[in-house]
Protein backbone atom coordinates (compact mmCIF):
# COMPACT_ATOMS: atom_id res chain seq x y z
CA MET A 1 0.21 -0.05 0.06
CA GLU A 2 1.36 4.01 -0.48
CA THR A 3 0.37 6.92 0.79
CA THR A 4 1.45 10.48 0.19
CA VAL A 5 3.14 12.24 3.09
CA THR A 6 1.74 16.20 3.02
CA ARG A 7 3.65 19.60 3.80
CA ARG A 8 4.04 19.44 7.19
CA GLY A 9 5.34 15.80 6.74
CA GLN A 10 2.41 14.25 8.11
CA THR A 11 1.26 11.14 6.75
CA ASN A 12 -2.09 8.39 6.93
CA ILE A 13 -2.65 4.48 7.90
CA PRO A 14 -4.54 2.77 5.37
CA ALA A 15 -7.77 1.68 7.02
CA ALA A 16 -7.19 -2.35 5.81
CA ILE A 17 -3.85 -1.91 7.67
CA ARG A 18 -5.45 -0.05 10.38
CA ARG A 19 -8.05 -2.75 10.92
CA ARG A 20 -5.69 -6.13 10.50
CA HIS A 21 -3.30 -4.53 13.05
CA ASP A 22 -6.28 -3.24 15.65
CA ILE A 23 -4.77 0.69 15.78
CA LYS A 24 -7.35 3.30 16.88
CA GLU A 25 -8.01 6.82 17.46
CA GLY A 26 -5.12 8.44 19.97
CA ASP A 27 -2.34 5.31 19.77
CA ARG A 28 0.77 5.05 19.57
CA ILE A 29 3.00 3.98 17.15
CA THR A 30 7.27 4.70 17.49
CA TRP A 31 9.29 4.95 14.34
CA LEU A 32 12.23 2.07 13.45
CA ASP A 33 15.01 3.70 11.41
CA ASP A 34 18.08 1.45 10.83
CA GLY A 35 19.22 2.60 8.12
CA GLU A 36 18.42 0.84 5.67
CA THR A 37 14.29 0.98 6.04
CA ILE A 38 12.36 1.98 7.95
CA ARG A 39 9.61 0.46 10.48
CA ILE A 40 6.30 1.10 11.66
CA VAL A 41 6.09 -0.99 14.49
CA PRO A 42 2.74 -0.15 16.63
CA VAL A 43 2.51 0.23 20.94
CA PRO A 44 0.31 -1.86 22.40
CA ALA A 45 -1.55 -0.10 25.93
CA ASP A 46 0.31 -2.62 27.92
CA PRO A 47 3.76 -3.63 26.42
CA ILE A 48 4.29 -5.75 29.27
CA SER A 49 1.64 -8.33 28.40
CA ALA A 50 2.41 -8.14 24.94
CA LEU A 51 4.92 -9.35 25.60
CA ARG A 52 3.66 -12.24 27.58
CA GLY A 53 5.05 -15.23 26.41
CA SER A 54 6.54 -14.43 22.84
CA GLY A 55 10.09 -16.11 24.37
CA ARG A 56 8.28 -19.98 25.08
CA GLY A 57 10.83 -22.33 23.11
CA ARG A 58 13.27 -20.63 22.41
CA SER A 59 16.56 -20.73 23.55
CA LEU A 60 17.02 -16.60 24.58
CA LEU A 61 21.24 -17.11 24.85
CA ASP A 62 20.41 -19.22 21.30
CA ALA A 63 18.47 -15.92 19.53
CA LEU A 64 20.36 -13.27 21.23
CA LEU A 65 23.17 -14.65 20.17
CA SER A 66 21.83 -14.68 16.57
CA ASP A 67 21.07 -12.04 16.86
CA ARG A 68 24.23 -9.81 16.65
CA ARG A 69 25.72 -11.98 14.08
CA LYS A 70 22.90 -10.54 11.86
CA ASP A 71 23.51 -7.14 12.86
CA ARG A 72 27.37 -7.79 12.73
CA LYS A 73 26.98 -8.59 8.91
CA ARG A 74 24.23 -5.58 8.13
CA ASP A 75 26.99 -3.52 9.59
CA ARG A 76 29.31 -5.04 7.49
């Protein structure tokens, strides 16, 4: 989907995306810029509850080391 940026730097979130991610008026989003891409991520009202259970079944150390390897590759 594509939107246009206004003179004031504003843009709209398409309705289909707002519905899919349950984004409502007053909700917060964060912009993540990694130097190559920009990601827009909705911030849950209760971030702690939103993360609960997300690490089950994974070795957190393995996940951390894997992410760091990917970061090193990207930074080269």
